[in-house]
Amino acid sequence: MKRKLKQALLGMMLIASGVASAQDVGFSQFYANPLYLNPAFAGTVVAPRISLTYRGQWPGLVSAFTTVSASYDQYVNDLHGGIGVLVMTDRVGDHGALTTNMVGAMYAFNFRVSRTVNISAGLQVSLMNTNLRWDENLRFPDQINSEYGFSYQTGAQAPDKTSKYAVDFNAGAVVYGSKWYAGIAASHLTQPNVAFYSESPLPMKFTVHAGGLINVSEEERRQSSLGLGTPIISPNVVYQYQGNMHYFNYGVYLDWMPFLVGVWFRNGIENADAFIFQVGVQQEFFKVGYSYDVTVSKLANSTAGAHEFTLGVMLPVPEQKKKVRSIKCPAF
């Protein structure tokens, strides 16, 4: 019965909102999924890069949100910038009652402002597909009998189309030096309609992010007798706004090669949302990360937080016609 009540909640949300006030997926390991954070990150590490992410959010609600993403990017000499591809699938509800698929391609032009400062400006075009499974997995409040549970037929009507396509555009820019970085991104520039029941545009999302690297020992990165690199502390802030939702994320990493740990705090305008704890291992050509969101809002007792796993692979750098400065960001 408890499981079906959760399914009814999803059905009620679909009818009440028409899936019109959708919010983008929020990842916790921002820099492990850089192309999603900002398309201007395409090619900024110069080497070909593969990034994989799995996020299970609120498993206490019958795996209400499950997201998988994969991306590839690299710098291309002849284009004077980076190219990238991002693929993502987001499933909402039991058995993926509402599924959104997206594939996007991006280009970021990279140029040097001064001897120590670079700017990367990126544009992304994406194809989105949203599918609604209108079947026995959905339950609605008007089906509930106080004595026998879900025993009535629903009066809710299926939409004319249960699959919708839309073209979407994102843009962003990143400015960076040897030990700092900052960027801004705007998503859903054309505000495509994603509702099944009415015309309702997907709200634009704005992201502002910044951070830096503080070398604790003031030495160049090198390995000690224990095989550890020079410890680096990296404070960061990420602000995101979409619709009427504001999210402030404050975090700090300790990067002590090959280990990396981090802690973040996320809150809205009025309410605290979650603490985020991260751990990872990185080597020259790969990195593995895990994070757990500890919910501190009113949903804390029912959501069971969120788990996120990431894998990054760095391929050998192709021969460069000119020296290109790569950005130095946290691995996760």
Protein backbone atom coordinates (compact mmCIF):
# COMPACT_ATOMS: atom_id res chain seq x y z
CA MET A 1 0.00 0.00 0.00
CA LYS A 2 2.81 2.40 0.86
CA ARG A 3 4.41 1.70 -2.52
CA LYS A 4 1.16 2.49 -4.35
CA LEU A 5 0.67 5.70 -2.41
CA LYS A 6 4.04 6.85 -3.72
CA GLN A 7 2.91 5.97 -7.24
CA ALA A 8 -0.25 7.98 -6.64
CA LEU A 9 1.86 10.94 -5.62
CA LEU A 10 3.65 10.79 -8.97
CA GLY A 11 0.36 10.57 -10.83
CA MET A 12 -1.02 13.53 -8.91
CA MET A 13 2.10 15.54 -9.74
CA LEU A 14 1.76 14.71 -13.44
CA ILE A 15 -1.85 15.84 -13.57
CA ALA A 16 -1.42 18.91 -11.40
CA SER A 17 1.58 20.27 -13.19
CA GLY A 18 1.18 18.76 -16.64
CA VAL A 19 4.88 18.06 -16.33
CA ALA A 20 5.21 21.73 -17.15
CA SER A 21 7.26 23.07 -14.25
CA ALA A 22 10.11 20.63 -14.67
CA GLN A 23 13.45 21.25 -12.99
CA ASP A 24 16.79 20.11 -14.32
CA VAL A 25 18.71 17.27 -12.75
CA GLY A 26 21.05 18.47 -10.01
CA PHE A 27 24.36 16.61 -9.73
CA SER A 28 26.51 16.78 -6.60
CA GLN A 29 29.90 16.11 -8.19
CA PHE A 30 29.85 19.22 -10.34
CA TYR A 31 33.31 18.95 -11.89
CA ALA A 32 33.05 15.22 -12.55
CA ASN A 33 30.31 16.11 -15.05
CA PRO A 34 31.78 19.36 -16.43
CA LEU A 35 29.92 19.56 -19.76
CA TYR A 36 26.60 19.43 -17.90
CA LEU A 37 27.70 22.21 -15.58
CA ASN A 38 28.85 24.48 -18.41
CA PRO A 39 29.36 23.74 -22.14
CA ALA A 40 32.37 26.08 -22.09
CA PHE A 41 34.33 23.31 -20.32
CA ALA A 42 34.53 21.38 -23.61
CA GLY A 43 38.20 20.87 -24.44
CA THR A 44 39.55 22.84 -21.47
CA VAL A 45 41.68 19.94 -20.22
CA VAL A 46 43.08 19.59 -23.79
CA ALA A 47 43.35 15.79 -23.57
CA PRO A 48 40.44 13.63 -24.77
CA ARG A 49 38.20 13.01 -21.74
CA ILE A 50 35.40 10.55 -20.99
CA SER A 51 33.08 11.20 -18.03
CA LEU A 52 30.43 8.79 -16.72
CA THR A 53 27.92 9.54 -13.95
CA TYR A 54 25.19 7.58 -12.19
CA ARG A 55 22.92 9.31 -9.68
CA GLY A 56 20.20 7.69 -7.58
CA GLN A 57 18.26 10.41 -5.79
CA TRP A 58 15.76 9.79 -3.01
CA PRO A 59 15.84 5.95 -3.11
CA GLY A 60 13.46 6.00 -0.14
CA LEU A 61 10.75 7.05 -2.62
CA VAL A 62 10.95 3.84 -4.69
CA SER A 63 13.98 5.14 -6.65
CA ALA A 64 12.02 8.21 -7.64
CA PHE A 65 14.89 9.80 -9.59
CA THR A 66 17.58 7.85 -11.45
CA THR A 67 19.98 9.59 -13.84
CA VAL A 68 22.78 8.30 -16.04
CA SER A 69 25.02 10.56 -18.12
CA ALA A 70 28.05 10.09 -20.36
CA SER A 71 30.19 12.68 -22.11
CA TYR A 72 33.26 13.00 -24.30
CA ASP A 73 35.28 16.12 -25.09
CA GLN A 74 38.69 17.16 -26.39
CA TYR A 75 40.60 20.13 -27.75
CA VAL A 76 40.95 20.37 -31.55
CA ASN A 77 43.80 22.49 -32.91
CA ASP A 78 42.21 23.35 -36.22
CA LEU A 79 39.04 24.56 -34.49
CA HIS A 80 40.93 26.63 -31.90
CA GLY A 81 38.71 25.17 -29.23
CA GLY A 82 37.03 22.10 -27.83
CA ILE A 83 34.22 19.85 -29.00
CA GLY A 84 32.04 17.67 -26.82
CA VAL A 85 29.09 15.28 -26.76
CA LEU A 86 26.78 14.75 -23.77
CA VAL A 87 24.17 11.99 -23.45
CA MET A 88 21.81 11.71 -20.50
CA THR A 89 18.79 9.65 -19.38
CA ASP A 90 16.64 10.69 -16.43
CA ARG A 91 13.97 8.37 -15.04
CA VAL A 92 11.30 9.51 -12.58
CA GLY A 93 9.03 7.17 -10.65
CA ASP A 94 8.82 3.42 -10.33
CA HIS A 95 9.67 1.63 -13.60
CA GLY A 96 10.60 4.97 -15.16
CA ALA A 97 7.05 6.30 -15.49
CA LEU A 98 8.49 9.57 -16.78
CA THR A 99 11.73 9.33 -18.77
CA THR A 100 13.69 12.15 -20.38
CA ASN A 101 16.49 11.45 -22.85
CA MET A 102 18.90 14.06 -24.14
CA VAL A 103 21.82 14.12 -26.54
CA GLY A 104 23.78 17.30 -27.02
CA ALA A 105 26.76 18.47 -29.07
CA MET A 106 28.87 21.52 -28.19
CA TYR A 107 31.75 23.66 -29.32
CA ALA A 108 33.82 25.97 -27.13
CA PHE A 109 36.17 28.57 -28.59
CA ASN A 110 39.26 29.04 -26.42
CA PHE A 111 41.43 32.14 -26.58
CA ARG A 112 44.16 33.74 -24.48
CA VAL A 113 43.42 37.14 -22.95
CA SER A 114 46.86 37.59 -21.44
CA ARG A 115 49.90 35.53 -20.56
CA THR A 116 48.09 34.11 -17.53
CA VAL A 117 44.37 34.30 -18.39
CA ASN A 118 42.27 32.24 -20.83
CA ILE A 119 38.61 32.37 -21.78
CA SER A 120 36.50 29.54 -23.18
CA ALA A 121 33.06 30.36 -24.65
CA GLY A 122 30.75 27.48 -25.52
CA LEU A 123 27.45 26.79 -27.28
CA GLN A 124 25.44 23.57 -27.07
CA VAL A 125 22.54 22.28 -29.15
CA SER A 126 20.53 19.33 -27.84
CA LEU A 127 17.67 17.07 -28.82
CA MET A 128 15.36 16.16 -25.94
CA ASN A 129 12.78 13.37 -25.82
CA THR A 130 10.29 12.98 -22.96
CA ASN A 131 8.24 9.79 -22.57
CA LEU A 132 5.30 9.16 -20.26
CA ARG A 133 4.33 5.56 -19.49
CA TRP A 134 0.57 5.73 -19.03
CA ASP A 135 -0.12 2.24 -17.74
CA GLU A 136 -0.77 0.24 -14.59
CA ASN A 137 2.27 1.73 -12.88
CA LEU A 138 0.51 5.07 -12.40
CA ARG A 139 -1.97 5.59 -9.55
CA PHE A 140 -4.14 8.63 -8.91
CA PRO A 141 -5.88 9.97 -5.77
CA ASP A 142 -9.39 9.40 -7.19
CA GLN A 143 -8.69 5.64 -7.28
CA ILE A 144 -8.38 5.38 -3.50
CA ASN A 145 -11.09 3.64 -1.52
CA SER A 146 -10.71 4.31 2.22
CA GLU A 147 -11.42 0.67 3.01
CA TYR A 148 -10.04 -1.32 0.08
CA GLY A 149 -7.23 0.90 -1.20
CA PHE A 150 -6.85 1.41 -4.95
CA SER A 151 -10.12 -0.07 -6.19
CA TYR A 152 -11.66 2.68 -8.36
CA GLN A 153 -11.07 3.59 -11.97
CA THR A 154 -9.34 6.93 -12.42
CA GLY A 155 -10.98 9.82 -14.20
CA ALA A 156 -7.60 11.12 -15.33
CA GLN A 157 -7.25 11.18 -19.09
CA ALA A 158 -4.08 10.19 -20.90
CA PRO A 159 -2.53 12.99 -22.97
CA ASP A 160 -2.89 12.91 -26.76
CA LYS A 161 0.83 12.24 -27.08
CA THR A 162 2.96 10.37 -24.55
CA SER A 163 6.26 11.12 -26.30
CA LYS A 164 7.53 14.62 -27.08
CA TYR A 165 10.63 15.95 -28.84
CA ALA A 166 12.23 19.36 -28.49
CA VAL A 167 15.39 21.15 -29.61
CA ASP A 168 17.26 22.99 -26.88
CA PHE A 169 20.20 25.41 -26.66
CA ASN A 170 22.70 26.15 -23.86
CA ALA A 171 25.57 28.63 -23.72
CA GLY A 172 28.34 29.46 -21.28
CA ALA A 173 31.75 30.96 -20.67
CA VAL A 174 34.66 30.16 -18.37
CA VAL A 175 37.60 32.42 -17.52
CA TYR A 176 40.58 30.86 -15.78
CA GLY A 177 44.16 31.27 -14.70
CA SER A 178 46.71 28.87 -13.29
CA LYS A 179 45.07 28.64 -9.84
CA TRP A 180 41.53 30.00 -10.24
CA TYR A 181 38.45 29.67 -12.46
CA ALA A 182 34.99 31.21 -12.78
CA GLY A 183 32.13 30.74 -15.17
CA ILE A 184 28.53 31.44 -16.09
CA ALA A 185 26.07 29.34 -18.08
CA ALA A 186 22.51 29.70 -19.34
CA SER A 187 20.43 26.62 -20.21
CA HIS A 188 17.19 26.27 -22.22
CA LEU A 189 17.67 29.54 -24.09
CA THR A 190 14.62 28.88 -26.29
CA GLN A 191 12.55 27.48 -23.38
CA PRO A 192 11.15 24.44 -25.24
CA ASN A 193 7.70 23.16 -24.35
CA VAL A 194 7.91 19.89 -22.39
CA ALA A 195 4.34 19.70 -21.04
CA PHE A 196 1.94 16.95 -22.08
CA TYR A 197 -1.30 18.79 -21.33
CA SER A 198 -0.65 22.44 -22.14
CA GLU A 199 1.83 24.93 -23.54
CA SER A 200 4.34 25.52 -20.79
CA PRO A 201 8.00 26.37 -21.50
CA LEU A 202 10.88 24.73 -19.68
CA PRO A 203 12.28 27.49 -17.42
CA MET A 204 15.71 28.84 -18.23
CA LYS A 205 18.45 27.83 -15.80
CA PHE A 206 21.33 30.11 -14.87
CA THR A 207 24.52 28.83 -13.28
CA VAL A 208 27.38 30.82 -11.77
CA HIS A 209 30.42 28.96 -10.45
CA ALA A 210 33.87 29.86 -9.17
CA GLY A 211 36.76 28.32 -7.29
CA GLY A 212 40.47 28.29 -6.67
CA LEU A 213 43.44 26.14 -5.77
CA ILE A 214 45.51 26.78 -2.64
CA ASN A 215 48.80 24.88 -2.45
CA VAL A 216 49.29 24.18 1.24
CA SER A 217 53.05 23.67 1.07
CA GLU A 218 53.71 26.39 -1.55
CA GLU A 219 55.71 23.83 -3.53
CA GLU A 220 55.24 22.41 -6.99
CA ARG A 221 53.18 19.24 -7.01
CA ARG A 222 55.45 16.26 -6.45
CA GLN A 223 55.27 12.85 -4.82
CA SER A 224 56.52 12.22 -1.30
CA SER A 225 58.11 9.03 -0.04
CA LEU A 226 54.56 7.83 0.72
CA GLY A 227 53.50 8.38 -2.87
CA LEU A 228 51.29 11.34 -1.96
CA GLY A 229 51.26 14.61 -3.84
CA THR A 230 51.39 18.09 -2.37
CA PRO A 231 48.09 18.75 -0.53
CA ILE A 232 45.86 21.30 -2.28
CA ILE A 233 42.75 22.93 -0.79
CA SER A 234 40.10 24.07 -3.25
CA PRO A 235 37.19 26.26 -2.06
CA ASN A 236 34.24 26.48 -4.47
CA VAL A 237 30.79 28.02 -4.86
CA VAL A 238 28.04 27.15 -7.34
CA TYR A 239 24.79 29.12 -7.62
CA GLN A 240 21.89 27.92 -9.76
CA TYR A 241 18.53 29.52 -10.50
CA GLN A 242 15.64 27.97 -12.42
CA GLY A 243 12.00 29.00 -12.36
CA ASN A 244 11.41 30.12 -8.80
CA MET A 245 14.09 27.87 -7.32
CA HIS A 246 17.45 29.14 -6.04
CA TYR A 247 20.25 26.79 -5.00
CA PHE A 248 23.44 27.91 -3.29
CA ASN A 249 26.23 25.34 -3.06
CA TYR A 250 29.34 25.96 -0.95
CA GLY A 251 32.13 23.41 -0.92
CA VAL A 252 35.77 22.72 -0.19
CA TYR A 253 38.02 19.92 -1.44
CA LEU A 254 41.24 18.47 -0.11
CA ASP A 255 43.23 17.09 -3.04
CA TRP A 256 46.10 14.98 -1.74
CA MET A 257 47.11 12.88 -4.73
CA PRO A 258 45.89 10.21 -5.29
CA PHE A 259 43.09 10.86 -2.78
CA LEU A 260 40.43 13.53 -2.85
CA VAL A 261 37.76 14.32 -0.26
CA GLY A 262 35.21 17.08 -0.24
CA VAL A 263 32.22 18.46 1.64
CA TRP A 264 29.48 20.71 0.32
CA PHE A 265 26.42 22.40 1.76
CA ARG A 266 23.37 23.17 -0.39
CA ASN A 267 20.51 25.46 0.53
CA GLY A 268 17.72 27.49 -1.02
CA ILE A 269 16.56 30.98 -0.18
CA GLU A 270 14.75 29.96 3.01
CA ASN A 271 15.57 26.33 3.72
CA ALA A 272 18.65 24.14 4.08
CA ASP A 273 18.65 21.20 1.68
CA ALA A 274 21.62 18.85 2.16
CA PHE A 275 25.20 18.21 3.19
CA ILE A 276 27.22 16.45 0.50
CA PHE A 277 30.20 14.25 1.33
CA GLN A 278 32.58 13.14 -1.42
CA VAL A 279 35.52 10.76 -1.68
CA GLY A 280 37.59 9.80 -4.69
CA VAL A 281 40.76 8.27 -6.04
CA GLN A 282 42.60 9.70 -9.02
CA GLN A 283 45.57 8.61 -11.07
CA GLU A 284 47.16 10.08 -14.16
CA PHE A 285 44.62 8.66 -16.59
CA PHE A 286 41.49 7.88 -14.54
CA LYS A 287 39.47 8.92 -11.51
CA VAL A 288 36.66 7.31 -9.51
CA GLY A 289 34.38 9.23 -7.18
CA TYR A 290 31.46 8.66 -4.82
CA SER A 291 29.25 11.15 -3.04
CA TYR A 292 26.30 10.94 -0.67
CA ASP A 293 23.75 13.68 -0.08
CA VAL A 294 22.54 13.84 3.52
CA THR A 295 19.13 15.48 3.32
CA VAL A 296 18.48 17.98 6.11
CA SER A 297 15.19 19.43 4.85
CA LYS A 298 11.71 18.29 5.90
CA LEU A 299 12.09 15.35 3.51
CA ALA A 300 14.99 13.89 5.52
CA ASN A 301 13.00 11.04 7.08
CA SER A 302 11.60 9.66 3.82
CA THR A 303 14.03 10.28 0.96
CA ALA A 304 17.19 8.40 2.09
CA GLY A 305 19.41 11.04 0.49
CA ALA A 306 21.17 10.49 -2.83
CA HIS A 307 24.06 8.37 -4.09
CA GLU A 308 26.28 9.46 -6.96
CA PHE A 309 29.06 7.48 -8.66
CA THR A 310 31.44 8.90 -11.26
CA LEU A 311 34.20 7.58 -13.49
CA GLY A 312 36.55 9.72 -15.54
CA VAL A 313 39.09 8.55 -18.12
CA MET A 314 41.77 10.79 -19.62
CA LEU A 315 43.22 9.60 -22.93
CA PRO A 316 46.71 10.50 -24.20
CA VAL A 317 47.07 14.07 -25.44
CA PRO A 318 47.46 14.26 -29.24
CA GLU A 319 50.31 16.28 -30.70
CA GLN A 320 49.58 20.00 -30.40
CA LYS A 321 50.51 22.61 -33.02
CA LYS A 322 50.67 25.20 -30.27
CA LYS A 323 50.81 25.13 -26.52
CA VAL A 324 47.32 25.31 -25.01
CA ARG A 325 46.75 26.06 -21.33
CA SER A 326 44.46 23.52 -19.67
CA ILE A 327 42.13 24.46 -16.83
CA LYS A 328 42.88 23.11 -13.36
CA CYS A 329 39.67 22.24 -11.57
CA PRO A 330 38.77 19.73 -8.87
CA ALA A 331 38.35 16.17 -10.13
CA PHE A 332 34.89 15.93 -8.58
